[in-house]
N, C-alpha and C. Protein backbone atom coordinates (compact mmCIF):
# COMPACT_ATOMS: atom_id res chain seq x y z
N MET A 1 0.83 -1.20 0.00
CA MET A 1 0.00 0.00 0.00
C MET A 1 0.87 1.26 0.00
N ARG A 2 1.94 1.23 0.76
CA ARG A 2 2.81 2.40 0.80
C ARG A 2 3.43 2.64 -0.56
N TRP A 3 3.82 1.58 -1.26
CA TRP A 3 4.39 1.71 -2.60
C TRP A 3 3.36 2.31 -3.56
N LEU A 4 2.09 1.91 -3.40
CA LEU A 4 1.04 2.44 -4.26
C LEU A 4 0.87 3.95 -4.05
N HIS A 5 0.99 4.39 -2.82
CA HIS A 5 0.91 5.83 -2.54
C HIS A 5 2.03 6.59 -3.27
N GLU A 6 3.22 5.99 -3.29
CA GLU A 6 4.34 6.62 -3.97
C GLU A 6 4.14 6.58 -5.48
N ARG A 7 3.68 5.43 -5.96
CA ARG A 7 3.52 5.24 -7.41
C ARG A 7 2.46 6.18 -7.97
N TYR A 8 1.39 6.40 -7.21
CA TYR A 8 0.28 7.24 -7.68
C TYR A 8 0.16 8.51 -6.85
N ALA A 9 1.29 9.09 -6.55
CA ALA A 9 1.33 10.30 -5.71
C ALA A 9 0.56 11.46 -6.34
N ALA A 10 0.46 11.48 -7.66
CA ALA A 10 -0.22 12.59 -8.33
C ALA A 10 -1.74 12.41 -8.34
N CYS A 11 -2.21 11.26 -7.90
CA CYS A 11 -3.66 10.97 -7.92
C CYS A 11 -4.30 11.24 -6.56
N ARG A 12 -5.59 11.56 -6.58
CA ARG A 12 -6.33 11.67 -5.33
C ARG A 12 -6.72 10.26 -4.92
N ARG A 13 -6.37 9.88 -3.71
CA ARG A 13 -6.54 8.50 -3.28
C ARG A 13 -7.56 8.41 -2.15
N ILE A 14 -8.60 7.58 -2.35
CA ILE A 14 -9.67 7.41 -1.36
C ILE A 14 -9.83 5.92 -1.09
N ALA A 15 -9.86 5.56 0.17
CA ALA A 15 -10.07 4.17 0.58
C ALA A 15 -11.51 4.03 1.08
N VAL A 16 -12.21 3.05 0.52
CA VAL A 16 -13.62 2.86 0.87
C VAL A 16 -13.85 1.43 1.36
N GLY A 17 -14.52 1.32 2.51
CA GLY A 17 -14.88 -0.01 3.01
C GLY A 17 -13.69 -0.83 3.44
N VAL A 18 -12.75 -0.23 4.14
CA VAL A 18 -11.53 -0.93 4.56
C VAL A 18 -11.46 -1.04 6.08
N SER A 19 -10.67 -2.01 6.54
CA SER A 19 -10.39 -2.13 7.97
C SER A 19 -9.13 -1.34 8.29
N VAL A 20 -9.17 -0.62 9.40
CA VAL A 20 -8.04 0.24 9.77
C VAL A 20 -7.57 -0.15 11.18
N PRO A 21 -6.65 -1.12 11.28
CA PRO A 21 -6.15 -1.51 12.60
C PRO A 21 -5.27 -0.45 13.26
N ASP A 22 -4.59 0.38 12.45
CA ASP A 22 -3.72 1.42 13.01
C ASP A 22 -3.86 2.67 12.14
N ALA A 23 -4.57 3.67 12.65
CA ALA A 23 -4.83 4.89 11.88
C ALA A 23 -3.57 5.70 11.61
N ARG A 24 -2.49 5.40 12.34
CA ARG A 24 -1.25 6.16 12.16
C ARG A 24 -0.33 5.55 11.11
N ASP A 25 -0.68 4.37 10.64
CA ASP A 25 0.14 3.66 9.65
C ASP A 25 0.19 4.50 8.36
N PRO A 26 1.37 4.67 7.77
CA PRO A 26 1.47 5.41 6.51
C PRO A 26 0.60 4.83 5.39
N ALA A 27 0.32 3.52 5.47
CA ALA A 27 -0.57 2.92 4.48
C ALA A 27 -1.95 3.55 4.56
N VAL A 28 -2.32 4.04 5.77
CA VAL A 28 -3.61 4.69 5.97
C VAL A 28 -3.50 6.19 5.75
N THR A 29 -2.52 6.79 6.35
CA THR A 29 -2.40 8.25 6.27
C THR A 29 -2.06 8.73 4.85
N GLY A 30 -1.61 7.81 4.00
CA GLY A 30 -1.30 8.17 2.62
C GLY A 30 -2.53 8.47 1.78
N PHE A 31 -3.70 8.07 2.26
CA PHE A 31 -4.95 8.36 1.53
C PHE A 31 -5.41 9.78 1.84
N HIS A 32 -6.05 10.39 0.87
CA HIS A 32 -6.64 11.71 1.10
C HIS A 32 -7.88 11.59 1.98
N ARG A 33 -8.58 10.47 1.83
CA ARG A 33 -9.76 10.26 2.66
C ARG A 33 -9.96 8.76 2.84
N VAL A 34 -10.37 8.37 4.05
CA VAL A 34 -10.61 6.97 4.36
C VAL A 34 -12.03 6.81 4.90
N LEU A 35 -12.84 6.02 4.21
CA LEU A 35 -14.18 5.67 4.69
C LEU A 35 -14.10 4.24 5.20
N ALA A 36 -13.79 4.13 6.50
CA ALA A 36 -13.46 2.81 7.07
C ALA A 36 -14.69 1.95 7.31
N ARG A 37 -14.50 0.67 7.15
CA ARG A 37 -15.52 -0.31 7.54
C ARG A 37 -15.45 -0.52 9.05
N ASP A 38 -14.22 -0.56 9.56
CA ASP A 38 -14.02 -0.61 11.01
C ASP A 38 -12.65 -0.03 11.30
N ASP A 39 -12.55 0.65 12.45
CA ASP A 39 -11.29 1.30 12.80
C ASP A 39 -10.92 1.11 14.26
N GLY A 40 -11.44 0.08 14.87
CA GLY A 40 -11.13 -0.19 16.27
C GLY A 40 -12.10 0.46 17.23
N GLY A 41 -12.84 1.46 16.75
CA GLY A 41 -13.80 2.13 17.62
C GLY A 41 -15.21 2.07 17.06
N THR A 42 -15.33 2.16 15.76
CA THR A 42 -16.64 2.11 15.12
C THR A 42 -16.64 1.04 14.04
N ALA A 43 -17.83 0.63 13.64
CA ALA A 43 -17.95 -0.38 12.59
C ALA A 43 -19.18 -0.08 11.75
N ALA A 44 -19.10 -0.41 10.47
CA ALA A 44 -20.22 -0.23 9.55
C ALA A 44 -20.38 -1.50 8.73
N PRO A 45 -21.59 -1.75 8.19
CA PRO A 45 -21.79 -2.95 7.36
C PRO A 45 -20.86 -2.96 6.16
N ASP A 46 -20.40 -4.12 5.78
CA ASP A 46 -19.52 -4.25 4.64
C ASP A 46 -20.25 -3.89 3.35
N LEU A 47 -19.53 -3.31 2.40
CA LEU A 47 -20.12 -2.85 1.14
C LEU A 47 -20.68 -3.99 0.29
N SER A 48 -20.20 -5.23 0.53
CA SER A 48 -20.70 -6.34 -0.27
C SER A 48 -22.18 -6.63 -0.01
N LEU A 49 -22.73 -6.03 1.06
CA LEU A 49 -24.16 -6.20 1.35
C LEU A 49 -25.03 -5.35 0.42
N ALA A 50 -24.42 -4.37 -0.24
CA ALA A 50 -25.20 -3.47 -1.10
C ALA A 50 -25.55 -4.16 -2.42
N GLY A 51 -26.66 -3.78 -3.00
CA GLY A 51 -27.04 -4.30 -4.30
C GLY A 51 -27.77 -5.62 -4.22
N ALA A 52 -28.34 -6.02 -5.35
CA ALA A 52 -29.09 -7.28 -5.41
C ALA A 52 -28.14 -8.47 -5.50
N VAL A 53 -28.61 -9.61 -5.01
CA VAL A 53 -27.83 -10.84 -5.07
C VAL A 53 -28.07 -11.52 -6.42
N SER A 54 -27.01 -11.83 -7.13
CA SER A 54 -27.11 -12.54 -8.40
C SER A 54 -26.75 -14.00 -8.17
N VAL A 55 -27.69 -14.89 -8.43
CA VAL A 55 -27.51 -16.31 -8.14
C VAL A 55 -27.15 -17.07 -9.40
N THR A 56 -26.12 -17.91 -9.33
CA THR A 56 -25.72 -18.76 -10.44
C THR A 56 -25.88 -20.22 -10.04
N PRO A 57 -25.89 -21.15 -11.00
CA PRO A 57 -25.99 -22.57 -10.65
C PRO A 57 -24.81 -23.02 -9.79
N VAL A 58 -25.07 -23.99 -8.93
CA VAL A 58 -24.02 -24.56 -8.09
C VAL A 58 -23.75 -25.98 -8.58
N LEU A 59 -22.50 -26.22 -8.98
CA LEU A 59 -22.13 -27.53 -9.53
C LEU A 59 -21.17 -28.24 -8.58
N GLY A 60 -21.55 -29.44 -8.17
CA GLY A 60 -20.63 -30.28 -7.41
C GLY A 60 -19.71 -30.98 -8.40
N VAL A 61 -18.41 -30.95 -8.15
CA VAL A 61 -17.44 -31.54 -9.08
C VAL A 61 -16.71 -32.68 -8.37
N VAL A 62 -16.86 -33.89 -8.91
CA VAL A 62 -16.25 -35.09 -8.32
C VAL A 62 -15.36 -35.73 -9.39
N LEU A 63 -14.05 -35.62 -9.22
CA LEU A 63 -13.11 -36.15 -10.20
C LEU A 63 -12.46 -37.44 -9.70
N ALA A 64 -12.31 -38.38 -10.62
CA ALA A 64 -11.70 -39.66 -10.28
C ALA A 64 -10.19 -39.52 -10.15
N PRO A 65 -9.55 -40.29 -9.27
CA PRO A 65 -8.09 -40.31 -9.23
C PRO A 65 -7.56 -41.15 -10.39
N HIS A 66 -6.25 -41.22 -10.53
CA HIS A 66 -5.66 -42.09 -11.55
C HIS A 66 -6.07 -43.53 -11.27
N GLN A 67 -6.46 -44.25 -12.29
CA GLN A 67 -6.92 -45.64 -12.13
C GLN A 67 -6.03 -46.54 -12.98
N PRO A 68 -4.93 -47.04 -12.40
CA PRO A 68 -3.94 -47.82 -13.17
C PRO A 68 -4.49 -49.11 -13.75
N GLU A 69 -5.62 -49.58 -13.23
CA GLU A 69 -6.18 -50.84 -13.75
C GLU A 69 -6.60 -50.74 -15.21
N TYR A 70 -6.76 -49.51 -15.72
CA TYR A 70 -7.16 -49.35 -17.12
C TYR A 70 -5.96 -49.19 -18.05
N GLY A 71 -4.76 -49.19 -17.50
CA GLY A 71 -3.57 -49.13 -18.32
C GLY A 71 -3.55 -47.92 -19.24
N GLY A 72 -3.15 -48.17 -20.49
CA GLY A 72 -3.02 -47.09 -21.46
C GLY A 72 -4.33 -46.49 -21.88
N ALA A 73 -5.47 -47.13 -21.55
CA ALA A 73 -6.77 -46.58 -21.93
C ALA A 73 -7.18 -45.41 -21.03
N GLY A 74 -6.53 -45.30 -19.89
CA GLY A 74 -6.86 -44.20 -18.97
C GLY A 74 -6.47 -42.86 -19.56
N ARG A 75 -7.42 -41.96 -19.65
CA ARG A 75 -7.17 -40.63 -20.20
C ARG A 75 -7.45 -39.56 -19.14
N HIS A 76 -7.21 -39.90 -17.89
CA HIS A 76 -7.61 -39.04 -16.78
C HIS A 76 -7.04 -37.64 -16.88
N ASP A 77 -5.74 -37.51 -17.15
CA ASP A 77 -5.13 -36.19 -17.21
C ASP A 77 -5.74 -35.34 -18.33
N GLU A 78 -5.88 -35.94 -19.52
CA GLU A 78 -6.43 -35.20 -20.66
C GLU A 78 -7.89 -34.83 -20.41
N VAL A 79 -8.65 -35.80 -19.92
CA VAL A 79 -10.08 -35.57 -19.69
C VAL A 79 -10.29 -34.50 -18.63
N HIS A 80 -9.54 -34.58 -17.54
CA HIS A 80 -9.71 -33.61 -16.45
C HIS A 80 -9.24 -32.22 -16.88
N ALA A 81 -8.21 -32.14 -17.71
CA ALA A 81 -7.75 -30.83 -18.19
C ALA A 81 -8.84 -30.19 -19.05
N ALA A 82 -9.45 -30.98 -19.93
CA ALA A 82 -10.51 -30.45 -20.79
C ALA A 82 -11.75 -30.10 -19.97
N LEU A 83 -12.09 -30.97 -19.03
CA LEU A 83 -13.31 -30.77 -18.25
C LEU A 83 -13.19 -29.57 -17.31
N THR A 84 -12.07 -29.45 -16.62
CA THR A 84 -11.90 -28.33 -15.69
C THR A 84 -11.72 -27.02 -16.45
N GLY A 85 -11.12 -27.09 -17.64
CA GLY A 85 -11.02 -25.90 -18.46
C GLY A 85 -12.39 -25.40 -18.88
N TRP A 86 -13.25 -26.34 -19.23
CA TRP A 86 -14.64 -25.99 -19.58
C TRP A 86 -15.37 -25.42 -18.37
N LEU A 87 -15.20 -26.05 -17.21
CA LEU A 87 -15.85 -25.58 -15.99
C LEU A 87 -15.42 -24.16 -15.64
N ALA A 88 -14.14 -23.88 -15.84
CA ALA A 88 -13.61 -22.56 -15.48
C ALA A 88 -14.26 -21.44 -16.30
N GLY A 89 -14.77 -21.77 -17.47
CA GLY A 89 -15.39 -20.76 -18.30
C GLY A 89 -16.88 -20.60 -18.09
N LEU A 90 -17.45 -21.38 -17.19
CA LEU A 90 -18.89 -21.30 -16.94
C LEU A 90 -19.21 -20.26 -15.87
N ASP A 91 -20.38 -19.66 -15.99
CA ASP A 91 -20.87 -18.74 -14.95
C ASP A 91 -21.61 -19.58 -13.92
N CYS A 92 -20.86 -20.13 -12.99
CA CYS A 92 -21.44 -21.01 -11.98
C CYS A 92 -20.53 -21.05 -10.76
N ALA A 93 -21.08 -21.58 -9.67
CA ALA A 93 -20.27 -21.83 -8.47
C ALA A 93 -19.83 -23.28 -8.52
N ARG A 94 -18.54 -23.51 -8.40
CA ARG A 94 -17.99 -24.85 -8.48
C ARG A 94 -17.57 -25.33 -7.10
N VAL A 95 -18.05 -26.50 -6.69
CA VAL A 95 -17.75 -27.03 -5.36
C VAL A 95 -17.03 -28.37 -5.52
N PRO A 96 -15.71 -28.42 -5.28
CA PRO A 96 -15.00 -29.70 -5.36
C PRO A 96 -15.45 -30.63 -4.24
N LEU A 97 -15.75 -31.88 -4.58
CA LEU A 97 -16.20 -32.86 -3.60
C LEU A 97 -15.39 -34.15 -3.77
N ASP A 98 -15.13 -34.82 -2.66
CA ASP A 98 -14.34 -36.05 -2.68
C ASP A 98 -15.16 -37.18 -2.09
N THR A 99 -15.28 -38.28 -2.83
CA THR A 99 -16.08 -39.41 -2.33
C THR A 99 -15.35 -40.19 -1.24
N ARG A 100 -14.05 -39.96 -1.09
CA ARG A 100 -13.33 -40.65 -0.03
C ARG A 100 -13.73 -40.09 1.33
N LEU A 101 -14.03 -40.98 2.25
CA LEU A 101 -14.49 -40.57 3.58
C LEU A 101 -13.32 -40.48 4.55
N ALA A 102 -13.39 -39.55 5.49
CA ALA A 102 -12.33 -39.40 6.48
C ALA A 102 -12.91 -38.78 7.75
N HIS A 103 -12.76 -39.47 8.87
CA HIS A 103 -13.32 -38.96 10.13
C HIS A 103 -12.48 -37.83 10.72
N ALA A 104 -11.17 -37.84 10.47
CA ALA A 104 -10.30 -36.85 11.10
C ALA A 104 -10.07 -35.61 10.24
N ASP A 105 -10.52 -35.66 8.98
CA ASP A 105 -10.29 -34.53 8.07
C ASP A 105 -11.58 -33.74 7.92
N TRP A 106 -11.62 -32.52 8.43
CA TRP A 106 -12.86 -31.73 8.42
C TRP A 106 -13.28 -31.37 7.00
N GLN A 107 -12.36 -31.43 6.03
CA GLN A 107 -12.71 -31.06 4.67
C GLN A 107 -13.43 -32.18 3.91
N ARG A 108 -13.51 -33.34 4.51
CA ARG A 108 -14.18 -34.46 3.87
C ARG A 108 -15.34 -34.94 4.73
N CYS A 109 -16.28 -35.60 4.08
CA CYS A 109 -17.40 -36.19 4.81
C CYS A 109 -16.93 -37.45 5.54
N ALA A 110 -17.56 -37.75 6.67
CA ALA A 110 -17.19 -38.93 7.45
C ALA A 110 -18.08 -40.12 7.17
N THR A 111 -19.26 -39.88 6.60
CA THR A 111 -20.20 -40.97 6.33
C THR A 111 -20.80 -40.80 4.94
N PRO A 112 -21.30 -41.90 4.35
CA PRO A 112 -21.98 -41.78 3.06
C PRO A 112 -23.18 -40.83 3.11
N ALA A 113 -23.90 -40.84 4.22
CA ALA A 113 -25.08 -39.97 4.35
C ALA A 113 -24.67 -38.51 4.28
N GLN A 114 -23.54 -38.16 4.88
CA GLN A 114 -23.07 -36.78 4.83
C GLN A 114 -22.73 -36.38 3.40
N PHE A 115 -22.10 -37.30 2.66
CA PHE A 115 -21.73 -36.98 1.29
C PHE A 115 -22.96 -36.80 0.41
N VAL A 116 -23.94 -37.69 0.55
CA VAL A 116 -25.17 -37.58 -0.24
C VAL A 116 -25.91 -36.30 0.14
N SER A 117 -25.86 -35.92 1.41
CA SER A 117 -26.50 -34.67 1.84
C SER A 117 -25.85 -33.48 1.16
N ALA A 118 -24.51 -33.50 1.05
CA ALA A 118 -23.81 -32.41 0.37
C ALA A 118 -24.21 -32.36 -1.10
N LEU A 119 -24.26 -33.53 -1.75
CA LEU A 119 -24.65 -33.57 -3.15
C LEU A 119 -26.07 -33.06 -3.37
N SER A 120 -26.94 -33.33 -2.42
CA SER A 120 -28.36 -32.97 -2.59
C SER A 120 -28.58 -31.46 -2.63
N THR A 121 -27.58 -30.68 -2.20
CA THR A 121 -27.72 -29.21 -2.23
C THR A 121 -27.27 -28.62 -3.56
N MET A 122 -26.71 -29.45 -4.44
CA MET A 122 -26.20 -28.97 -5.72
C MET A 122 -27.32 -28.88 -6.76
N ASP A 123 -27.12 -28.00 -7.74
CA ASP A 123 -28.05 -27.93 -8.86
C ASP A 123 -27.75 -29.02 -9.88
N ALA A 124 -26.49 -29.40 -9.97
CA ALA A 124 -26.07 -30.49 -10.85
C ALA A 124 -24.71 -30.99 -10.36
N VAL A 125 -24.35 -32.18 -10.80
CA VAL A 125 -23.05 -32.76 -10.46
C VAL A 125 -22.30 -33.01 -11.76
N VAL A 126 -21.01 -32.68 -11.76
CA VAL A 126 -20.13 -32.98 -12.89
C VAL A 126 -19.08 -33.95 -12.37
N THR A 127 -18.96 -35.12 -13.00
CA THR A 127 -18.08 -36.14 -12.42
C THR A 127 -17.44 -37.03 -13.47
N THR A 128 -16.27 -37.55 -13.12
CA THR A 128 -15.63 -38.60 -13.90
C THR A 128 -15.50 -39.86 -13.05
N ARG A 129 -16.20 -39.86 -11.93
CA ARG A 129 -16.09 -40.98 -10.99
C ARG A 129 -17.40 -41.73 -10.90
N LEU A 130 -17.32 -43.06 -10.83
CA LEU A 130 -18.52 -43.89 -10.77
C LEU A 130 -19.44 -43.47 -9.64
N HIS A 131 -18.88 -43.30 -8.45
CA HIS A 131 -19.74 -42.97 -7.30
C HIS A 131 -20.19 -41.52 -7.32
N GLY A 132 -19.53 -40.67 -8.10
CA GLY A 132 -20.07 -39.33 -8.32
C GLY A 132 -21.36 -39.42 -9.09
N LEU A 133 -21.39 -40.32 -10.08
CA LEU A 133 -22.60 -40.55 -10.87
C LEU A 133 -23.69 -41.19 -10.02
N VAL A 134 -23.36 -42.29 -9.37
CA VAL A 134 -24.38 -43.05 -8.63
C VAL A 134 -24.93 -42.26 -7.45
N LEU A 135 -24.06 -41.67 -6.66
CA LEU A 135 -24.53 -40.96 -5.46
C LEU A 135 -25.20 -39.64 -5.83
N GLY A 136 -24.76 -39.03 -6.93
CA GLY A 136 -25.46 -37.83 -7.40
C GLY A 136 -26.90 -38.14 -7.74
N LEU A 137 -27.10 -39.23 -8.49
CA LEU A 137 -28.46 -39.63 -8.84
C LEU A 137 -29.24 -40.07 -7.60
N LYS A 138 -28.56 -40.72 -6.68
CA LYS A 138 -29.23 -41.12 -5.44
C LYS A 138 -29.73 -39.92 -4.67
N ALA A 139 -28.97 -38.81 -4.75
CA ALA A 139 -29.36 -37.57 -4.07
C ALA A 139 -30.44 -36.82 -4.84
N GLY A 140 -30.82 -37.34 -6.02
CA GLY A 140 -31.86 -36.70 -6.81
C GLY A 140 -31.37 -35.52 -7.62
N VAL A 141 -30.06 -35.51 -7.93
CA VAL A 141 -29.45 -34.40 -8.66
C VAL A 141 -28.98 -34.88 -10.04
N PRO A 142 -29.36 -34.20 -11.12
CA PRO A 142 -28.89 -34.59 -12.45
C PRO A 142 -27.37 -34.53 -12.54
N VAL A 143 -26.79 -35.45 -13.30
CA VAL A 143 -25.34 -35.60 -13.35
C VAL A 143 -24.81 -35.50 -14.78
N VAL A 144 -23.79 -34.66 -14.96
CA VAL A 144 -23.01 -34.65 -16.20
C VAL A 144 -21.87 -35.64 -15.96
N ALA A 145 -22.03 -36.85 -16.45
CA ALA A 145 -21.05 -37.90 -16.22
C ALA A 145 -20.12 -38.02 -17.42
N VAL A 146 -18.83 -38.05 -17.17
CA VAL A 146 -17.82 -38.17 -18.22
C VAL A 146 -16.93 -39.36 -17.87
N ASP A 147 -16.74 -40.26 -18.82
CA ASP A 147 -15.87 -41.42 -18.59
C ASP A 147 -14.44 -41.04 -18.95
N PRO A 148 -13.49 -41.16 -18.01
CA PRO A 148 -12.11 -40.80 -18.30
C PRO A 148 -11.31 -41.90 -18.99
N VAL A 149 -12.00 -43.00 -19.34
CA VAL A 149 -11.33 -44.14 -19.96
C VAL A 149 -11.72 -44.25 -21.43
N ALA A 150 -10.73 -44.25 -22.31
CA ALA A 150 -10.99 -44.38 -23.74
C ALA A 150 -11.69 -45.71 -24.03
N GLY A 151 -12.75 -45.65 -24.82
CA GLY A 151 -13.48 -46.85 -25.15
C GLY A 151 -14.53 -47.21 -24.12
N GLY A 152 -14.51 -46.50 -22.98
CA GLY A 152 -15.51 -46.74 -21.94
C GLY A 152 -15.01 -47.65 -20.83
N GLY A 153 -15.20 -47.20 -19.60
CA GLY A 153 -14.82 -48.00 -18.43
C GLY A 153 -16.00 -48.17 -17.51
N LYS A 154 -15.74 -48.12 -16.21
CA LYS A 154 -16.78 -48.39 -15.22
C LYS A 154 -17.89 -47.32 -15.23
N VAL A 155 -17.55 -46.06 -15.55
CA VAL A 155 -18.57 -45.01 -15.57
C VAL A 155 -19.57 -45.28 -16.70
N THR A 156 -19.06 -45.65 -17.87
CA THR A 156 -19.94 -45.97 -18.99
C THR A 156 -20.80 -47.19 -18.68
N ALA A 157 -20.19 -48.20 -18.07
CA ALA A 157 -20.93 -49.41 -17.73
C ALA A 157 -22.03 -49.11 -16.72
N GLN A 158 -21.74 -48.27 -15.73
CA GLN A 158 -22.75 -47.94 -14.73
C GLN A 158 -23.85 -47.08 -15.33
N GLY A 159 -23.48 -46.19 -16.24
CA GLY A 159 -24.48 -45.39 -16.92
C GLY A 159 -25.45 -46.26 -17.69
N ALA A 160 -24.91 -47.29 -18.36
CA ALA A 160 -25.77 -48.22 -19.10
C ALA A 160 -26.68 -48.98 -18.15
N ALA A 161 -26.15 -49.38 -17.00
CA ALA A 161 -26.95 -50.13 -16.02
C ALA A 161 -28.08 -49.28 -15.46
N LEU A 162 -27.85 -47.97 -15.35
CA LEU A 162 -28.84 -47.07 -14.76
C LEU A 162 -29.68 -46.33 -15.80
N GLY A 163 -29.34 -46.52 -17.06
CA GLY A 163 -30.07 -45.81 -18.10
C GLY A 163 -29.77 -44.33 -18.10
N TRP A 164 -28.52 -43.97 -17.78
CA TRP A 164 -28.13 -42.56 -17.71
C TRP A 164 -27.01 -42.30 -18.71
N PRO A 165 -27.12 -41.25 -19.53
CA PRO A 165 -26.11 -40.98 -20.56
C PRO A 165 -24.77 -40.57 -19.97
N VAL A 166 -23.70 -41.00 -20.63
CA VAL A 166 -22.34 -40.69 -20.20
C VAL A 166 -21.57 -40.12 -21.40
N VAL A 167 -20.86 -39.04 -21.17
CA VAL A 167 -20.02 -38.44 -22.21
C VAL A 167 -18.73 -39.25 -22.31
N ALA A 168 -18.37 -39.67 -23.52
CA ALA A 168 -17.17 -40.47 -23.73
C ALA A 168 -15.92 -39.62 -23.60
N ALA A 169 -14.82 -40.28 -23.21
CA ALA A 169 -13.53 -39.57 -23.09
C ALA A 169 -13.16 -38.90 -24.40
N GLU A 170 -13.51 -39.54 -25.51
CA GLU A 170 -13.18 -39.00 -26.82
C GLU A 170 -13.96 -37.73 -27.16
N ASP A 171 -15.05 -37.46 -26.44
CA ASP A 171 -15.90 -36.30 -26.75
C ASP A 171 -15.75 -35.15 -25.76
N VAL A 172 -14.90 -35.31 -24.74
CA VAL A 172 -14.86 -34.32 -23.67
C VAL A 172 -14.31 -32.98 -24.15
N ALA A 173 -13.53 -32.98 -25.22
CA ALA A 173 -12.98 -31.72 -25.73
C ALA A 173 -14.02 -30.91 -26.50
N ASP A 174 -15.17 -31.52 -26.79
CA ASP A 174 -16.25 -30.84 -27.51
C ASP A 174 -17.12 -30.12 -26.49
N THR A 175 -16.88 -28.82 -26.32
CA THR A 175 -17.63 -28.06 -25.32
C THR A 175 -19.11 -27.99 -25.66
N GLY A 176 -19.45 -28.14 -26.94
CA GLY A 176 -20.85 -28.14 -27.32
C GLY A 176 -21.58 -29.31 -26.71
N VAL A 177 -20.92 -30.47 -26.66
CA VAL A 177 -21.52 -31.66 -26.04
C VAL A 177 -21.73 -31.43 -24.55
N LEU A 178 -20.70 -30.88 -23.89
CA LEU A 178 -20.80 -30.62 -22.45
C LEU A 178 -21.85 -29.56 -22.15
N ASP A 179 -21.87 -28.50 -22.95
CA ASP A 179 -22.85 -27.43 -22.75
C ASP A 179 -24.28 -27.97 -22.86
N ALA A 180 -24.50 -28.80 -23.87
CA ALA A 180 -25.85 -29.35 -24.09
C ALA A 180 -26.26 -30.25 -22.94
N ARG A 181 -25.31 -31.04 -22.45
CA ARG A 181 -25.64 -31.96 -21.35
C ARG A 181 -25.94 -31.18 -20.07
N LEU A 182 -25.12 -30.15 -19.79
CA LEU A 182 -25.34 -29.35 -18.59
C LEU A 182 -26.66 -28.58 -18.69
N LYS A 183 -26.93 -28.04 -19.87
CA LYS A 183 -28.18 -27.30 -20.06
C LYS A 183 -29.38 -28.18 -19.74
N TRP A 184 -29.34 -29.43 -20.19
CA TRP A 184 -30.46 -30.32 -19.88
C TRP A 184 -30.52 -30.62 -18.38
N CYS A 185 -29.35 -30.86 -17.76
CA CYS A 185 -29.33 -31.18 -16.33
C CYS A 185 -29.88 -30.03 -15.48
N LEU A 186 -29.74 -28.80 -15.96
CA LEU A 186 -30.24 -27.64 -15.22
C LEU A 186 -31.65 -27.24 -15.62
N SER A 187 -32.24 -27.99 -16.55
CA SER A 187 -33.56 -27.65 -17.06
C SER A 187 -34.66 -28.15 -16.13
N PRO A 188 -35.86 -27.54 -16.20
CA PRO A 188 -36.99 -28.02 -15.40
C PRO A 188 -37.33 -29.47 -15.70
N GLU A 189 -37.10 -29.91 -16.94
CA GLU A 189 -37.42 -31.28 -17.30
C GLU A 189 -36.59 -32.27 -16.47
N ALA A 190 -35.30 -31.98 -16.32
CA ALA A 190 -34.43 -32.88 -15.56
C ALA A 190 -34.81 -32.88 -14.09
N VAL A 191 -35.13 -31.70 -13.56
CA VAL A 191 -35.50 -31.59 -12.14
C VAL A 191 -36.86 -32.23 -11.88
N ALA A 192 -37.76 -32.13 -12.87
CA ALA A 192 -39.11 -32.67 -12.70
C ALA A 192 -39.14 -34.18 -12.81
N ASP A 193 -38.05 -34.79 -13.32
CA ASP A 193 -38.02 -36.23 -13.50
C ASP A 193 -36.84 -36.81 -12.73
N PRO A 194 -36.91 -36.74 -11.39
CA PRO A 194 -35.78 -37.22 -10.60
C PRO A 194 -35.59 -38.72 -10.81
N PRO A 195 -34.32 -39.15 -10.90
CA PRO A 195 -34.06 -40.56 -11.17
C PRO A 195 -34.16 -41.47 -9.97
N VAL A 196 -34.34 -40.92 -8.77
CA VAL A 196 -34.31 -41.74 -7.56
C VAL A 196 -35.33 -42.87 -7.57
N PRO A 197 -36.62 -42.62 -7.84
CA PRO A 197 -37.58 -43.72 -7.83
C PRO A 197 -37.20 -44.82 -8.82
N ARG A 198 -36.72 -44.42 -9.99
CA ARG A 198 -36.33 -45.37 -11.01
C ARG A 198 -35.16 -46.22 -10.52
N LEU A 199 -34.17 -45.58 -9.90
CA LEU A 199 -33.00 -46.29 -9.42
C LEU A 199 -33.35 -47.18 -8.24
N THR A 200 -34.24 -46.71 -7.38
CA THR A 200 -34.65 -47.51 -6.23
C THR A 200 -35.31 -48.80 -6.69
N ALA A 201 -36.13 -48.69 -7.73
CA ALA A 201 -36.80 -49.87 -8.27
C ALA A 201 -35.78 -50.85 -8.83
N LEU A 202 -34.74 -50.31 -9.51
CA LEU A 202 -33.70 -51.16 -10.06
C LEU A 202 -32.95 -51.91 -8.95
N VAL A 203 -32.61 -51.19 -7.89
CA VAL A 203 -31.89 -51.79 -6.78
C VAL A 203 -32.75 -52.86 -6.09
N ASP A 204 -34.02 -52.54 -5.85
CA ASP A 204 -34.92 -53.52 -5.24
C ASP A 204 -35.03 -54.77 -6.08
N GLU A 205 -35.08 -54.57 -7.39
CA GLU A 205 -35.18 -55.71 -8.29
C GLU A 205 -33.91 -56.56 -8.21
N LEU A 206 -32.76 -55.86 -8.16
CA LEU A 206 -31.48 -56.57 -8.08
C LEU A 206 -31.37 -57.35 -6.78
N VAL A 207 -31.72 -56.71 -5.67
CA VAL A 207 -31.63 -57.37 -4.37
C VAL A 207 -32.59 -58.55 -4.30
N GLY A 208 -33.79 -58.36 -4.85
CA GLY A 208 -34.77 -59.43 -4.84
C GLY A 208 -34.32 -60.63 -5.65
N ALA A 209 -33.61 -60.35 -6.76
CA ALA A 209 -33.13 -61.43 -7.61
C ALA A 209 -32.08 -62.27 -6.92
N ARG A 210 -31.38 -61.68 -5.99
CA ARG A 210 -30.31 -62.39 -5.29
C ARG A 210 -30.85 -63.13 -4.07
């Protein structure tokens, strides 16, 4: 801040909505005027409270780790680079989620129920992981599923078992395909037709058969 005062010495400098722990600091006194948010004696609401709230879709992102069992067919690095690059260009809130459970790590869920609860708050899920697909649908949230394995791996197989479309590794660089899939997942049609009852029936049928 002090360097900025020197660099722009010819400009009129005003600080708005800032915290002032020490009013005598040259970083503070270098301004022509300071409209403090708090200064140790008084406090005012932060400026971010002003204006209307603009809401964007919230996407849960569940990426698979490297899966050596697929050998040279694994395209995880390429697929994730294309997928995250596409995500970065979207007007949305992105929430990284990990299906691995950990009781001692506050950043991860400790139980499957906690993870499904987190997924249920999302508008859609974007995943390259089998359980991102399955648990997203279990939570009643539409899923943009991408298989990171060339030719199709477990994600494609699970999509077929559940009757849910999966984007192939070979198509992940086509943003038009991803855009169309996400648009449908965020549409009223996708929300109005939750897959949970359908999946529950499939599971009951499977359990009954055994």
